[in-house]
Amino acid sequence: MKKLALATALTFASTAAFAGNPAPAPVEPVVIVEDTSSSSAGIIVPILAIILLAAAASD
């Protein structure tokens, strides 16, 4: 029974030693190209929200 327990303990200890990847995978750089737009495009939604809130408040 002691030999079985020792064999089990050594098996679990050796699996932890081989658990990782020996060489990391090569990582390629990711290039993100974004199209630029005019700065006024980000103001349309808040202006529409203000108009809708003003219309709702006037009722």
PDB file of N, CA and C in Angstrom:
ATOM      1  N   MET A   1       0.818  -1.189   0.000  1.00  0.00           N
ATOM      2  CA  MET A   1       0.000   0.000   0.000  1.00  0.00           C
ATOM      3  C   MET A   1       0.864   1.256   0.000  1.00  0.00           C
ATOM      4  N   LYS A   2       2.020   1.186   0.697  1.00  0.00           N
ATOM      5  CA  LYS A   2       2.905   2.336   0.725  1.00  0.00           C
ATOM      6  C   LYS A   2       3.500   2.603  -0.649  1.00  0.00           C
ATOM      7  N   LYS A   3       3.778   1.546  -1.392  1.00  0.00           N
ATOM      8  CA  LYS A   3       4.346   1.709  -2.727  1.00  0.00           C
ATOM      9  C   LYS A   3       3.326   2.360  -3.666  1.00  0.00           C
ATOM     10  N   LEU A   4       2.052   1.997  -3.504  1.00  0.00           N
ATOM     11  CA  LEU A   4       1.004   2.584  -4.323  1.00  0.00           C
ATOM     12  C   LEU A   4       0.840   4.071  -4.014  1.00  0.00           C
ATOM     13  N   ALA A   5       0.888   4.420  -2.750  1.00  0.00           N
ATOM     14  CA  ALA A   5       0.780   5.822  -2.349  1.00  0.00           C
ATOM     15  C   ALA A   5       1.980   6.612  -2.845  1.00  0.00           C
ATOM     16  N   LEU A   6       3.172   6.027  -2.782  1.00  0.00           N
ATOM     17  CA  LEU A   6       4.377   6.696  -3.274  1.00  0.00           C
ATOM     18  C   LEU A   6       4.313   6.876  -4.783  1.00  0.00           C
ATOM     19  N   ALA A   7       3.846   5.870  -5.494  1.00  0.00           N
ATOM     20  CA  ALA A   7       3.731   5.974  -6.947  1.00  0.00           C
ATOM     21  C   ALA A   7       2.708   7.044  -7.337  1.00  0.00           C
ATOM     22  N   THR A   8       1.611   7.128  -6.595  1.00  0.00           N
ATOM     23  CA  THR A   8       0.599   8.146  -6.865  1.00  0.00           C
ATOM     24  C   THR A   8       1.150   9.540  -6.604  1.00  0.00           C
ATOM     25  N   ALA A   9       1.871   9.695  -5.523  1.00  0.00           N
ATOM     26  CA  ALA A   9       2.439  11.000  -5.184  1.00  0.00           C
ATOM     27  C   ALA A   9       3.463  11.431  -6.232  1.00  0.00           C
ATOM     28  N   LEU A  10       4.292  10.509  -6.683  1.00  0.00           N
ATOM     29  CA  LEU A  10       5.291  10.844  -7.710  1.00  0.00           C
ATOM     30  C   LEU A  10       4.631  11.159  -9.046  1.00  0.00           C
ATOM     31  N   THR A  11       3.539  10.482  -9.346  1.00  0.00           N
ATOM     32  CA  THR A  11       2.825  10.753 -10.591  1.00  0.00           C
ATOM     33  C   THR A  11       2.262  12.164 -10.594  1.00  0.00           C
ATOM     34  N   PHE A  12       1.624  12.563  -9.482  1.00  0.00           N
ATOM     35  CA  PHE A  12       1.075  13.908  -9.404  1.00  0.00           C
ATOM     36  C   PHE A  12       2.173  14.973  -9.401  1.00  0.00           C
ATOM     37  N   ALA A  13       3.302  14.691  -8.786  1.00  0.00           N
ATOM     38  CA  ALA A  13       4.403  15.648  -8.757  1.00  0.00           C
ATOM     39  C   ALA A  13       5.020  15.805 -10.144  1.00  0.00           C
ATOM     40  N   SER A  14       5.093  14.724 -10.904  1.00  0.00           N
ATOM     41  CA  SER A  14       5.714  14.828 -12.227  1.00  0.00           C
ATOM     42  C   SER A  14       4.784  15.492 -13.236  1.00  0.00           C
ATOM     43  N   THR A  15       3.465  15.366 -13.063  1.00  0.00           N
ATOM     44  CA  THR A  15       2.563  16.036 -13.998  1.00  0.00           C
ATOM     45  C   THR A  15       2.620  17.551 -13.813  1.00  0.00           C
ATOM     46  N   ALA A  16       2.872  18.027 -12.601  1.00  0.00           N
ATOM     47  CA  ALA A  16       2.993  19.458 -12.374  1.00  0.00           C
ATOM     48  C   ALA A  16       4.263  20.000 -13.029  1.00  0.00           C
ATOM     49  N   ALA A  17       5.288  19.174 -13.111  1.00  0.00           N
ATOM     50  CA  ALA A  17       6.539  19.623 -13.715  1.00  0.00           C
ATOM     51  C   ALA A  17       6.404  19.791 -15.222  1.00  0.00           C
ATOM     52  N   PHE A  18       5.532  19.011 -15.863  1.00  0.00           N
ATOM     53  CA  PHE A  18       5.368  19.078 -17.313  1.00  0.00           C
ATOM     54  C   PHE A  18       4.089  19.821 -17.715  1.00  0.00           C
ATOM     55  N   ALA A  19       3.499  20.584 -16.811  1.00  0.00           N
ATOM     56  CA  ALA A  19       2.214  21.199 -17.085  1.00  0.00           C
ATOM     57  C   ALA A  19       2.301  22.364 -18.061  1.00  0.00           C
ATOM     58  N   GLY A  20       3.417  23.057 -18.110  1.00  0.00           N
ATOM     59  CA  GLY A  20       3.506  24.259 -18.934  1.00  0.00           C
ATOM     60  C   GLY A  20       4.019  23.993 -20.327  1.00  0.00           C
ATOM     61  N   ASN A  21       3.968  25.017 -21.148  1.00  0.00           N
ATOM     62  CA  ASN A  21       4.507  24.956 -22.497  1.00  0.00           C
ATOM     63  C   ASN A  21       5.987  25.315 -22.420  1.00  0.00           C
ATOM     64  N   PRO A  22       6.888  24.494 -22.949  1.00  0.00           N
ATOM     65  CA  PRO A  22       8.314  24.783 -22.809  1.00  0.00           C
ATOM     66  C   PRO A  22       8.758  26.033 -23.566  1.00  0.00           C
ATOM     67  N   ALA A  23       8.104  26.346 -24.676  1.00  0.00           N
ATOM     68  CA  ALA A  23       8.476  27.534 -25.435  1.00  0.00           C
ATOM     69  C   ALA A  23       7.218  28.366 -25.683  1.00  0.00           C
ATOM     70  N   PRO A  24       7.286  29.638 -25.388  1.00  0.00           N
ATOM     71  CA  PRO A  24       6.089  30.457 -25.630  1.00  0.00           C
ATOM     72  C   PRO A  24       5.809  30.590 -27.115  1.00  0.00           C
ATOM     73  N   ALA A  25       4.542  30.715 -27.441  1.00  0.00           N
ATOM     74  CA  ALA A  25       4.144  30.854 -28.836  1.00  0.00           C
ATOM     75  C   ALA A  25       4.608  32.211 -29.356  1.00  0.00           C
ATOM     76  N   PRO A  26       5.057  32.264 -30.597  1.00  0.00           N
ATOM     77  CA  PRO A  26       5.490  33.555 -31.141  1.00  0.00           C
ATOM     78  C   PRO A  26       4.298  34.494 -31.284  1.00  0.00           C
ATOM     79  N   VAL A  27       4.487  35.721 -30.856  1.00  0.00           N
ATOM     80  CA  VAL A  27       3.411  36.704 -30.888  1.00  0.00           C
ATOM     81  C   VAL A  27       3.718  37.711 -31.984  1.00  0.00           C
ATOM     82  N   GLU A  28       2.790  37.827 -32.928  1.00  0.00           N
ATOM     83  CA  GLU A  28       2.973  38.785 -33.994  1.00  0.00           C
ATOM     84  C   GLU A  28       2.333  40.108 -33.590  1.00  0.00           C
ATOM     85  N   PRO A  29       2.970  41.204 -33.915  1.00  0.00           N
ATOM     86  CA  PRO A  29       2.368  42.497 -33.553  1.00  0.00           C
ATOM     87  C   PRO A  29       1.089  42.743 -34.352  1.00  0.00           C
ATOM     88  N   VAL A  30       0.110  43.311 -33.694  1.00  0.00           N
ATOM     89  CA  VAL A  30      -1.169  43.595 -34.325  1.00  0.00           C
ATOM     90  C   VAL A  30      -1.210  45.082 -34.664  1.00  0.00           C
ATOM     91  N   VAL A  31      -1.440  45.374 -35.929  1.00  0.00           N
ATOM     92  CA  VAL A  31      -1.507  46.757 -36.378  1.00  0.00           C
ATOM     93  C   VAL A  31      -2.966  47.102 -36.628  1.00  0.00           C
ATOM     94  N   ILE A  32      -3.445  48.127 -35.929  1.00  0.00           N
ATOM     95  CA  ILE A  32      -4.825  48.558 -36.088  1.00  0.00           C
ATOM     96  C   ILE A  32      -4.820  49.889 -36.829  1.00  0.00           C
ATOM     97  N   VAL A  33      -5.486  49.888 -37.969  1.00  0.00           N
ATOM     98  CA  VAL A  33      -5.579  51.104 -38.769  1.00  0.00           C
ATOM     99  C   VAL A  33      -7.011  51.605 -38.681  1.00  0.00           C
ATOM    100  N   GLU A  34      -7.179  52.807 -38.160  1.00  0.00           N
ATOM    101  CA  GLU A  34      -8.508  53.375 -38.023  1.00  0.00           C
ATOM    102  C   GLU A  34      -8.617  54.589 -38.926  1.00  0.00           C
ATOM    103  N   ASP A  35      -9.761  54.693 -39.579  1.00  0.00           N
ATOM    104  CA  ASP A  35     -10.011  55.865 -40.398  1.00  0.00           C
ATOM    105  C   ASP A  35     -10.395  57.020 -39.485  1.00  0.00           C
ATOM    106  N   THR A  36      -9.840  58.173 -39.773  1.00  0.00           N
ATOM    107  CA  THR A  36     -10.178  59.337 -38.977  1.00  0.00           C
ATOM    108  C   THR A  36     -11.372  60.042 -39.600  1.00  0.00           C
ATOM    109  N   SER A  37     -12.178  60.611 -38.749  1.00  0.00           N
ATOM    110  CA  SER A  37     -13.337  61.349 -39.231  1.00  0.00           C
ATOM    111  C   SER A  37     -13.308  62.741 -38.620  1.00  0.00           C
ATOM    112  N   SER A  38     -14.237  63.557 -39.026  1.00  0.00           N
ATOM    113  CA  SER A  38     -14.266  64.917 -38.496  1.00  0.00           C
ATOM    114  C   SER A  38     -14.658  64.887 -37.026  1.00  0.00           C
ATOM    115  N   SER A  39     -14.264  65.896 -36.293  1.00  0.00           N
ATOM    116  CA  SER A  39     -14.539  65.930 -34.863  1.00  0.00           C
ATOM    117  C   SER A  39     -15.989  66.269 -34.566  1.00  0.00           C
ATOM    118  N   SER A  40     -16.733  66.766 -35.538  1.00  0.00           N
ATOM    119  CA  SER A  40     -18.122  67.135 -35.291  1.00  0.00           C
ATOM    120  C   SER A  40     -19.039  65.921 -35.244  1.00  0.00           C
ATOM    121  N   ALA A  41     -18.567  64.753 -35.649  1.00  0.00           N
ATOM    122  CA  ALA A  41     -19.419  63.562 -35.649  1.00  0.00           C
ATOM    123  C   ALA A  41     -19.764  63.124 -34.233  1.00  0.00           C
ATOM    124  N   GLY A  42     -18.926  63.392 -33.260  1.00  0.00           N
ATOM    125  CA  GLY A  42     -19.183  62.989 -31.893  1.00  0.00           C
ATOM    126  C   GLY A  42     -20.155  63.894 -31.162  1.00  0.00           C
ATOM    127  N   ILE A  43     -20.525  65.003 -31.745  1.00  0.00           N
ATOM    128  CA  ILE A  43     -21.416  65.951 -31.077  1.00  0.00           C
ATOM    129  C   ILE A  43     -22.866  65.766 -31.498  1.00  0.00           C
ATOM    130  N   ILE A  44     -23.131  65.000 -32.527  1.00  0.00           N
ATOM    131  CA  ILE A  44     -24.488  64.839 -33.058  1.00  0.00           C
ATOM    132  C   ILE A  44     -25.403  64.148 -32.055  1.00  0.00           C
ATOM    133  N   VAL A  45     -24.940  63.078 -31.449  1.00  0.00           N
ATOM    134  CA  VAL A  45     -25.774  62.323 -30.511  1.00  0.00           C
ATOM    135  C   VAL A  45     -26.141  63.155 -29.284  1.00  0.00           C
ATOM    136  N   PRO A  46     -25.210  63.856 -28.634  1.00  0.00           N
ATOM    137  CA  PRO A  46     -25.621  64.680 -27.488  1.00  0.00           C
ATOM    138  C   PRO A  46     -26.588  65.802 -27.866  1.00  0.00           C
ATOM    139  N   ILE A  47     -26.415  66.403 -29.049  1.00  0.00           N
ATOM    140  CA  ILE A  47     -27.334  67.457 -29.473  1.00  0.00           C
ATOM    141  C   ILE A  47     -28.732  66.884 -29.692  1.00  0.00           C
ATOM    142  N   LEU A  48     -28.821  65.716 -30.314  1.00  0.00           N
ATOM    143  CA  LEU A  48     -30.130  65.086 -30.502  1.00  0.00           C
ATOM    144  C   LEU A  48     -30.765  64.721 -29.170  1.00  0.00           C
ATOM    145  N   ALA A  49     -29.968  64.287 -28.213  1.00  0.00           N
ATOM    146  CA  ALA A  49     -30.502  63.944 -26.893  1.00  0.00           C
ATOM    147  C   ALA A  49     -31.048  65.184 -26.198  1.00  0.00           C
ATOM    148  N   ILE A  50     -30.341  66.304 -26.314  1.00  0.00           N
ATOM    149  CA  ILE A  50     -30.810  67.551 -25.699  1.00  0.00           C
ATOM    150  C   ILE A  50     -32.114  68.009 -26.355  1.00  0.00           C
ATOM    151  N   ILE A  51     -32.187  67.892 -27.676  1.00  0.00           N
ATOM    152  CA  ILE A  51     -33.407  68.287 -28.381  1.00  0.00           C
ATOM    153  C   ILE A  51     -34.586  67.420 -27.949  1.00  0.00           C
ATOM    154  N   LEU A  52     -34.367  66.114 -27.843  1.00  0.00           N
ATOM    155  CA  LEU A  52     -35.449  65.207 -27.428  1.00  0.00           C
ATOM    156  C   LEU A  52     -35.878  65.468 -25.984  1.00  0.00           C
ATOM    157  N   LEU A  53     -34.919  65.748 -25.112  1.00  0.00           N
ATOM    158  CA  LEU A  53     -35.267  66.053 -23.716  1.00  0.00           C
ATOM    159  C   LEU A  53     -36.029  67.376 -23.622  1.00  0.00           C
ATOM    160  N   ALA A  54     -35.632  68.356 -24.427  1.00  0.00           N
ATOM    161  CA  ALA A  54     -36.335  69.637 -24.422  1.00  0.00           C
ATOM    162  C   ALA A  54     -37.757  69.469 -24.962  1.00  0.00           C
ATOM    163  N   ALA A  55     -37.916  68.642 -25.977  1.00  0.00           N
ATOM    164  CA  ALA A  55     -39.248  68.416 -26.532  1.00  0.00           C
ATOM    165  C   ALA A  55     -40.127  67.675 -25.533  1.00  0.00           C
ATOM    166  N   ALA A  56     -39.550  66.748 -24.799  1.00  0.00           N
ATOM    167  CA  ALA A  56     -40.331  66.002 -23.801  1.00  0.00           C
ATOM    168  C   ALA A  56     -40.688  66.884 -22.611  1.00  0.00           C
ATOM    169  N   ALA A  57     -39.807  67.813 -22.251  1.00  0.00           N
ATOM    170  CA  ALA A  57     -40.053  68.680 -21.107  1.00  0.00           C
ATOM    171  C   ALA A  57     -41.083  69.755 -21.449  1.00  0.00           C
ATOM    172  N   SER A  58     -41.202  70.112 -22.715  1.00  0.00           N
ATOM    173  CA  SER A  58     -42.135  71.179 -23.082  1.00  0.00           C
ATOM    174  C   SER A  58     -43.582  70.707 -23.112  1.00  0.00           C
ATOM    175  N   ASP A  59     -43.804  69.390 -23.123  1.00  0.00           N
ATOM    176  CA  ASP A  59     -45.182  68.868 -23.170  1.00  0.00           C
ATOM    177  C   ASP A  59     -45.868  68.969 -21.872  1.00  0.00           C
TER     178      ASP A  59
END
